[in-house]
């Protein structure tokens, strides 16, 4: 049996990402550790308050020797376009969460809309990572 401990998103600037995830999204820091033995690599992880078993690692886009310069640039471009993956968040009240996050400065790509599965909206972080925020509706079993 497996459980999920961490997921990661590529970020262009860890400090900017940390501010966004904690100040705008209201997440808490789970780890912020610099590892000198790994060239001062910074392991930075955040997560939703009250959901301590899962963290999102705010991973800097690597360069050589991890990936070549061309690949690093491709990662930067895909992340900025919102195509490096999507994080799905669930809320009890999508419209209220939308208003709260918008007031904190989160820029949405889509206003809340009714969907067969609930009410759904989208936004991106400063690096371009795509997020969906959904108020789930119970769906009929087939």
N, C-alpha and C. Protein backbone atom coordinates (compact mmCIF):
# COMPACT_ATOMS: atom_id res chain seq x y z
N UNK A 1 0.85 -1.18 0.00
CA UNK A 1 0.00 0.00 0.00
C UNK A 1 0.88 1.23 0.00
N UNK A 2 0.51 2.22 -0.80
CA UNK A 2 1.25 3.46 -0.88
C UNK A 2 0.39 4.61 -0.37
N UNK A 3 1.05 5.64 0.10
CA UNK A 3 0.38 6.90 0.39
C UNK A 3 1.20 8.00 -0.28
N UNK A 4 0.57 9.14 -0.51
CA UNK A 4 1.28 10.28 -1.10
C UNK A 4 1.76 11.18 0.02
N UNK A 5 3.05 11.48 0.00
CA UNK A 5 3.63 12.38 1.01
C UNK A 5 3.84 13.77 0.43
N UNK A 6 4.40 13.84 -0.78
CA UNK A 6 4.73 15.10 -1.41
C UNK A 6 4.38 15.08 -2.90
N UNK A 7 4.01 16.21 -3.39
CA UNK A 7 3.95 16.46 -4.83
C UNK A 7 4.80 17.70 -5.04
N UNK A 8 5.26 17.94 -6.26
CA UNK A 8 6.10 19.11 -6.46
C UNK A 8 5.63 19.91 -7.65
N UNK A 9 5.86 21.21 -7.56
CA UNK A 9 5.65 22.11 -8.69
C UNK A 9 6.97 22.82 -8.94
N UNK A 10 7.26 23.08 -10.22
CA UNK A 10 8.44 23.86 -10.57
C UNK A 10 8.15 25.32 -10.27
N UNK A 11 9.10 26.00 -9.69
CA UNK A 11 8.94 27.44 -9.43
C UNK A 11 10.16 28.19 -9.95
N UNK A 12 9.92 29.39 -10.46
CA UNK A 12 11.00 30.22 -10.97
C UNK A 12 11.78 30.89 -9.85
N UNK A 13 11.11 31.16 -8.73
CA UNK A 13 11.73 31.86 -7.61
C UNK A 13 11.11 31.32 -6.32
N UNK A 14 11.90 30.63 -5.51
CA UNK A 14 11.35 30.01 -4.30
C UNK A 14 10.81 31.03 -3.31
N UNK A 15 11.48 32.16 -3.16
CA UNK A 15 10.99 33.17 -2.20
C UNK A 15 9.65 33.75 -2.65
N UNK A 16 9.52 34.04 -3.93
CA UNK A 16 8.26 34.55 -4.48
C UNK A 16 7.16 33.49 -4.33
N UNK A 17 7.50 32.24 -4.60
CA UNK A 17 6.53 31.15 -4.45
C UNK A 17 6.11 30.99 -2.99
N UNK A 18 7.09 31.05 -2.09
CA UNK A 18 6.78 30.92 -0.66
C UNK A 18 5.80 31.99 -0.22
N UNK A 19 6.02 33.22 -0.64
CA UNK A 19 5.11 34.30 -0.28
C UNK A 19 3.71 34.05 -0.84
N UNK A 20 3.62 33.63 -2.08
CA UNK A 20 2.33 33.36 -2.71
C UNK A 20 1.59 32.25 -1.98
N UNK A 21 2.24 31.13 -1.76
CA UNK A 21 1.58 29.97 -1.17
C UNK A 21 1.18 30.20 0.28
N UNK A 22 1.98 30.96 1.02
CA UNK A 22 1.64 31.20 2.43
C UNK A 22 0.75 32.42 2.61
N UNK A 23 1.10 33.54 1.97
CA UNK A 23 0.35 34.79 2.19
C UNK A 23 -0.95 34.85 1.39
N UNK A 24 -0.94 34.37 0.17
CA UNK A 24 -2.14 34.47 -0.66
C UNK A 24 -3.03 33.23 -0.56
N UNK A 25 -2.42 32.04 -0.57
CA UNK A 25 -3.23 30.82 -0.48
C UNK A 25 -3.47 30.39 0.96
N UNK A 26 -2.71 30.92 1.90
CA UNK A 26 -2.92 30.59 3.31
C UNK A 26 -2.36 29.25 3.74
N UNK A 27 -1.43 28.71 2.97
CA UNK A 27 -0.80 27.43 3.35
C UNK A 27 0.26 27.69 4.40
N UNK A 28 0.74 26.61 5.01
CA UNK A 28 1.77 26.71 6.02
C UNK A 28 3.06 26.05 5.52
N UNK A 29 4.19 26.51 6.05
CA UNK A 29 5.48 25.94 5.69
C UNK A 29 5.62 24.59 6.39
N UNK A 30 6.00 23.58 5.64
CA UNK A 30 6.24 22.25 6.20
C UNK A 30 7.73 21.99 6.35
N UNK A 31 8.52 22.53 5.42
CA UNK A 31 9.98 22.38 5.50
C UNK A 31 10.61 23.51 4.72
N UNK A 32 11.69 24.05 5.26
CA UNK A 32 12.50 25.04 4.57
C UNK A 32 13.93 24.79 5.03
N UNK A 33 14.61 23.91 4.30
CA UNK A 33 15.92 23.43 4.72
C UNK A 33 16.91 23.62 3.56
N UNK A 34 18.06 24.21 3.87
CA UNK A 34 19.13 24.32 2.89
C UNK A 34 20.17 23.26 3.20
N UNK A 35 20.56 22.52 2.17
CA UNK A 35 21.49 21.41 2.32
C UNK A 35 22.84 21.76 1.71
N UNK A 36 23.80 22.20 2.56
CA UNK A 36 25.12 22.59 2.04
C UNK A 36 25.82 21.45 1.30
N UNK A 37 25.62 20.24 1.78
CA UNK A 37 26.29 19.08 1.15
C UNK A 37 25.76 18.79 -0.25
N UNK A 38 24.65 19.46 -0.63
CA UNK A 38 24.10 19.30 -1.98
C UNK A 38 24.15 20.64 -2.73
N UNK A 39 25.23 21.39 -2.50
CA UNK A 39 25.40 22.66 -3.21
C UNK A 39 24.41 23.72 -2.79
N UNK A 40 24.03 23.71 -1.50
CA UNK A 40 23.06 24.66 -0.95
C UNK A 40 21.66 24.51 -1.56
N UNK A 41 21.33 23.29 -1.94
CA UNK A 41 19.99 22.99 -2.43
C UNK A 41 18.97 23.29 -1.33
N UNK A 42 17.90 23.96 -1.70
CA UNK A 42 16.86 24.34 -0.73
C UNK A 42 15.62 23.47 -0.94
N UNK A 43 15.28 22.70 0.09
CA UNK A 43 14.06 21.89 0.10
C UNK A 43 12.99 22.72 0.78
N UNK A 44 12.01 23.18 0.00
CA UNK A 44 10.97 24.06 0.49
C UNK A 44 9.62 23.43 0.21
N UNK A 45 8.86 23.16 1.27
CA UNK A 45 7.57 22.50 1.12
C UNK A 45 6.51 23.23 1.94
N UNK A 46 5.31 23.31 1.38
CA UNK A 46 4.17 23.93 2.02
C UNK A 46 2.99 22.97 1.94
N UNK A 47 1.93 23.29 2.68
CA UNK A 47 0.73 22.47 2.61
C UNK A 47 -0.45 23.17 3.24
N UNK A 48 -1.63 22.68 2.93
CA UNK A 48 -2.84 23.25 3.52
C UNK A 48 -2.86 23.07 5.04
N UNK A 49 -3.26 24.10 5.74
CA UNK A 49 -3.41 24.02 7.19
C UNK A 49 -4.42 22.92 7.50
N UNK A 50 -4.06 22.03 8.41
CA UNK A 50 -4.96 20.96 8.83
C UNK A 50 -4.83 19.68 8.01
N UNK A 51 -4.10 19.71 6.90
CA UNK A 51 -3.87 18.49 6.11
C UNK A 51 -2.37 18.21 6.13
N UNK A 52 -1.93 17.63 7.24
CA UNK A 52 -0.50 17.50 7.50
C UNK A 52 0.17 16.34 6.78
N UNK A 53 -0.59 15.46 6.16
CA UNK A 53 0.01 14.28 5.56
C UNK A 53 0.45 14.48 4.11
N UNK A 54 0.18 15.64 3.52
CA UNK A 54 0.57 15.92 2.14
C UNK A 54 1.21 17.30 2.06
N UNK A 55 2.32 17.40 1.32
CA UNK A 55 3.01 18.67 1.12
C UNK A 55 3.23 18.91 -0.37
N UNK A 56 3.33 20.18 -0.72
CA UNK A 56 3.70 20.57 -2.07
C UNK A 56 5.11 21.13 -1.99
N UNK A 57 6.03 20.52 -2.70
CA UNK A 57 7.41 20.97 -2.73
C UNK A 57 7.53 22.05 -3.80
N UNK A 58 8.07 23.19 -3.41
CA UNK A 58 8.29 24.31 -4.33
C UNK A 58 9.71 24.17 -4.87
N UNK A 59 9.82 23.45 -5.98
CA UNK A 59 11.11 23.01 -6.50
C UNK A 59 11.68 24.00 -7.52
N UNK A 60 12.90 24.48 -7.26
CA UNK A 60 13.52 25.36 -8.26
C UNK A 60 13.83 24.56 -9.52
N UNK A 61 13.73 25.22 -10.65
CA UNK A 61 14.04 24.55 -11.92
C UNK A 61 15.54 24.31 -11.96
N UNK A 62 15.94 23.05 -12.10
CA UNK A 62 17.37 22.75 -12.03
C UNK A 62 18.10 23.11 -13.32
N UNK A 63 19.39 23.24 -13.19
CA UNK A 63 20.27 23.43 -14.34
C UNK A 63 21.30 22.31 -14.33
N UNK A 64 22.37 22.49 -15.07
CA UNK A 64 23.43 21.48 -15.09
C UNK A 64 23.99 21.27 -13.68
N UNK A 65 24.35 20.11 -13.26
CA UNK A 65 24.42 18.88 -14.04
C UNK A 65 23.11 18.06 -14.03
N UNK A 66 22.08 18.54 -13.33
CA UNK A 66 20.82 17.78 -13.24
C UNK A 66 20.16 17.69 -14.61
N UNK A 67 19.96 18.83 -15.25
CA UNK A 67 19.44 18.88 -16.61
C UNK A 67 20.27 19.88 -17.40
N UNK A 68 20.35 19.67 -18.71
CA UNK A 68 21.11 20.61 -19.53
C UNK A 68 20.35 21.93 -19.65
N UNK A 69 21.03 22.96 -20.09
CA UNK A 69 20.45 24.30 -20.16
C UNK A 69 19.22 24.34 -21.05
N UNK A 70 19.22 23.61 -22.14
CA UNK A 70 18.07 23.60 -23.06
C UNK A 70 16.83 23.00 -22.38
N UNK A 71 17.03 21.91 -21.66
CA UNK A 71 15.91 21.28 -20.95
C UNK A 71 15.39 22.19 -19.84
N UNK A 72 16.29 22.84 -19.12
CA UNK A 72 15.88 23.77 -18.06
C UNK A 72 15.01 24.89 -18.64
N UNK A 73 15.39 25.40 -19.79
CA UNK A 73 14.60 26.45 -20.44
C UNK A 73 13.24 25.92 -20.87
N UNK A 74 13.20 24.71 -21.37
CA UNK A 74 11.91 24.10 -21.75
C UNK A 74 11.00 23.97 -20.54
N UNK A 75 11.55 23.56 -19.40
CA UNK A 75 10.77 23.46 -18.17
C UNK A 75 10.24 24.84 -17.78
N UNK A 76 11.09 25.87 -17.84
CA UNK A 76 10.67 27.24 -17.51
C UNK A 76 9.51 27.68 -18.40
N UNK A 77 9.62 27.43 -19.69
CA UNK A 77 8.60 27.86 -20.64
C UNK A 77 7.29 27.11 -20.39
N UNK A 78 7.36 25.79 -20.24
CA UNK A 78 6.14 25.01 -20.02
C UNK A 78 5.47 25.38 -18.70
N UNK A 79 6.27 25.61 -17.67
CA UNK A 79 5.71 26.02 -16.38
C UNK A 79 5.02 27.37 -16.52
N UNK A 80 5.67 28.33 -17.16
CA UNK A 80 5.10 29.67 -17.32
C UNK A 80 3.79 29.64 -18.09
N UNK A 81 3.64 28.67 -19.00
CA UNK A 81 2.42 28.54 -19.79
C UNK A 81 1.33 27.74 -19.06
N UNK A 82 1.67 27.20 -17.90
CA UNK A 82 0.69 26.42 -17.14
C UNK A 82 0.58 24.98 -17.58
N UNK A 83 1.60 24.46 -18.28
CA UNK A 83 1.53 23.10 -18.80
C UNK A 83 2.51 22.14 -18.16
N UNK A 84 2.97 22.45 -16.96
CA UNK A 84 3.87 21.54 -16.26
C UNK A 84 3.11 20.65 -15.29
N UNK A 85 1.79 20.73 -15.30
CA UNK A 85 0.95 19.94 -14.39
C UNK A 85 -0.10 20.84 -13.77
N UNK A 86 -1.03 20.23 -13.08
CA UNK A 86 -2.10 20.98 -12.43
C UNK A 86 -2.26 20.47 -11.00
N UNK A 87 -2.48 21.39 -10.08
CA UNK A 87 -2.79 21.05 -8.70
C UNK A 87 -4.29 21.24 -8.52
N UNK A 88 -4.95 20.25 -7.97
CA UNK A 88 -6.39 20.29 -7.75
C UNK A 88 -6.66 20.49 -6.26
N UNK A 89 -7.35 21.58 -5.93
CA UNK A 89 -7.71 21.89 -4.55
C UNK A 89 -9.22 21.78 -4.41
N UNK A 90 -9.67 21.36 -3.25
CA UNK A 90 -11.10 21.22 -2.97
C UNK A 90 -11.47 22.19 -1.85
N UNK A 91 -12.64 22.81 -1.99
CA UNK A 91 -13.15 23.74 -0.99
C UNK A 91 -14.62 23.44 -0.72
N UNK A 92 -15.10 23.84 0.43
CA UNK A 92 -16.52 23.67 0.76
C UNK A 92 -17.39 24.70 0.07
N UNK A 93 -16.81 25.86 -0.28
CA UNK A 93 -17.58 26.95 -0.88
C UNK A 93 -16.69 27.66 -1.91
N UNK A 94 -16.83 27.26 -3.16
CA UNK A 94 -15.96 27.76 -4.23
C UNK A 94 -16.10 29.27 -4.41
N UNK A 95 -17.31 29.76 -4.42
CA UNK A 95 -17.51 31.19 -4.66
C UNK A 95 -16.92 32.04 -3.53
N UNK A 96 -17.08 31.60 -2.31
CA UNK A 96 -16.52 32.31 -1.17
C UNK A 96 -14.99 32.25 -1.19
N UNK A 97 -14.43 31.07 -1.49
CA UNK A 97 -12.97 30.94 -1.57
C UNK A 97 -12.42 31.79 -2.71
N UNK A 98 -13.13 31.83 -3.82
CA UNK A 98 -12.74 32.66 -4.96
C UNK A 98 -12.66 34.13 -4.54
N UNK A 99 -13.70 34.62 -3.87
CA UNK A 99 -13.73 36.02 -3.43
C UNK A 99 -12.61 36.31 -2.44
N UNK A 100 -12.37 35.40 -1.50
CA UNK A 100 -11.32 35.57 -0.51
C UNK A 100 -9.94 35.61 -1.16
N UNK A 101 -9.68 34.65 -2.03
CA UNK A 101 -8.37 34.59 -2.69
C UNK A 101 -8.16 35.77 -3.63
N UNK A 102 -9.20 36.17 -4.32
CA UNK A 102 -9.11 37.32 -5.22
C UNK A 102 -8.78 38.59 -4.42
N UNK A 103 -9.38 38.72 -3.23
CA UNK A 103 -9.09 39.87 -2.37
C UNK A 103 -7.64 39.86 -1.88
N UNK A 104 -7.04 38.67 -1.79
CA UNK A 104 -5.64 38.56 -1.37
C UNK A 104 -4.67 38.77 -2.54
N UNK A 105 -5.21 38.95 -3.74
CA UNK A 105 -4.36 39.22 -4.90
C UNK A 105 -4.12 38.05 -5.83
N UNK A 106 -4.82 36.93 -5.62
CA UNK A 106 -4.67 35.80 -6.53
C UNK A 106 -5.37 36.16 -7.85
N UNK A 107 -4.67 35.96 -8.95
CA UNK A 107 -5.22 36.26 -10.26
C UNK A 107 -5.81 35.00 -10.87
N UNK A 108 -7.10 35.03 -11.10
CA UNK A 108 -7.81 33.87 -11.62
C UNK A 108 -7.83 33.89 -13.15
N UNK A 109 -7.80 32.71 -13.72
CA UNK A 109 -7.91 32.54 -15.16
C UNK A 109 -9.34 32.27 -15.57
N UNK A 110 -10.19 32.00 -14.58
CA UNK A 110 -11.58 31.66 -14.86
C UNK A 110 -12.40 31.92 -13.59
N UNK A 111 -13.55 32.53 -13.75
CA UNK A 111 -14.47 32.73 -12.63
C UNK A 111 -15.14 31.40 -12.30
N UNK A 112 -15.71 31.27 -11.09
CA UNK A 112 -16.41 30.03 -10.74
C UNK A 112 -17.54 29.72 -11.73
N UNK A 113 -17.60 28.47 -12.15
CA UNK A 113 -18.63 28.01 -13.08
C UNK A 113 -19.24 26.71 -12.59
N UNK A 114 -20.53 26.55 -12.85
CA UNK A 114 -21.22 25.29 -12.55
C UNK A 114 -20.74 24.23 -13.52
N UNK A 115 -20.42 23.06 -13.00
CA UNK A 115 -20.01 21.90 -13.79
C UNK A 115 -20.81 20.70 -13.31
N UNK A 116 -20.85 19.62 -14.06
CA UNK A 116 -21.58 18.43 -13.59
C UNK A 116 -21.06 17.89 -12.26
N UNK A 117 -19.78 18.12 -11.96
CA UNK A 117 -19.16 17.60 -10.75
C UNK A 117 -19.13 18.62 -9.61
N UNK A 118 -19.56 19.88 -9.86
CA UNK A 118 -19.56 20.90 -8.82
C UNK A 118 -19.31 22.28 -9.39
N UNK A 119 -18.80 23.16 -8.55
CA UNK A 119 -18.47 24.52 -8.96
C UNK A 119 -16.94 24.59 -9.03
N UNK A 120 -16.43 25.13 -10.13
CA UNK A 120 -15.01 25.03 -10.42
C UNK A 120 -14.47 26.38 -10.91
N UNK A 121 -13.23 26.69 -10.54
CA UNK A 121 -12.55 27.89 -10.99
C UNK A 121 -11.08 27.58 -11.19
N UNK A 122 -10.34 28.46 -11.83
CA UNK A 122 -8.93 28.22 -12.07
C UNK A 122 -8.09 29.45 -11.82
N UNK A 123 -6.86 29.23 -11.37
CA UNK A 123 -5.88 30.31 -11.20
C UNK A 123 -4.50 29.74 -11.42
N UNK A 124 -3.51 30.63 -11.47
CA UNK A 124 -2.12 30.21 -11.63
C UNK A 124 -1.26 30.89 -10.58
N UNK A 125 -0.16 30.22 -10.21
CA UNK A 125 0.79 30.82 -9.27
C UNK A 125 1.75 31.73 -10.04
N UNK A 126 2.64 32.44 -9.35
CA UNK A 126 3.54 33.38 -10.05
C UNK A 126 4.45 32.72 -11.09
N UNK A 127 4.71 31.42 -10.96
CA UNK A 127 5.54 30.73 -11.94
C UNK A 127 4.73 30.25 -13.14
N UNK A 128 3.40 30.27 -13.01
CA UNK A 128 2.52 29.84 -14.10
C UNK A 128 1.82 28.53 -13.86
N UNK A 129 2.13 27.84 -12.75
CA UNK A 129 1.50 26.55 -12.47
C UNK A 129 -0.02 26.70 -12.39
N UNK A 130 -0.71 25.77 -13.03
CA UNK A 130 -2.18 25.80 -13.07
C UNK A 130 -2.77 25.16 -11.82
N UNK A 131 -3.83 25.79 -11.31
CA UNK A 131 -4.58 25.29 -10.17
C UNK A 131 -6.05 25.25 -10.52
N UNK A 132 -6.75 24.24 -10.06
CA UNK A 132 -8.21 24.17 -10.13
C UNK A 132 -8.70 24.18 -8.68
N UNK A 133 -9.72 24.96 -8.41
CA UNK A 133 -10.33 25.04 -7.09
C UNK A 133 -11.78 24.64 -7.27
N UNK A 134 -12.19 23.57 -6.60
CA UNK A 134 -13.49 22.98 -6.88
C UNK A 134 -14.28 22.72 -5.60
N UNK A 135 -15.55 23.05 -5.66
CA UNK A 135 -16.53 22.65 -4.66
C UNK A 135 -17.22 21.43 -5.25
N UNK A 136 -16.89 20.26 -4.73
CA UNK A 136 -17.35 19.01 -5.32
C UNK A 136 -18.83 18.75 -5.03
N UNK A 137 -19.50 18.23 -6.01
CA UNK A 137 -20.89 17.80 -5.88
C UNK A 137 -20.89 16.29 -5.97
N UNK A 138 -21.70 15.64 -5.17
CA UNK A 138 -21.79 14.20 -5.23
C UNK A 138 -22.40 13.80 -6.57
N UNK A 139 -21.74 12.90 -7.25
CA UNK A 139 -22.21 12.49 -8.57
C UNK A 139 -22.94 11.16 -8.45
N UNK A 140 -23.93 11.01 -9.29
CA UNK A 140 -24.73 9.78 -9.30
C UNK A 140 -23.84 8.61 -9.75
N UNK A 141 -24.00 7.50 -9.09
CA UNK A 141 -23.25 6.29 -9.45
C UNK A 141 -23.93 5.63 -10.65
N UNK A 142 -23.13 5.14 -11.55
CA UNK A 142 -23.67 4.48 -12.75
C UNK A 142 -23.70 2.99 -12.53
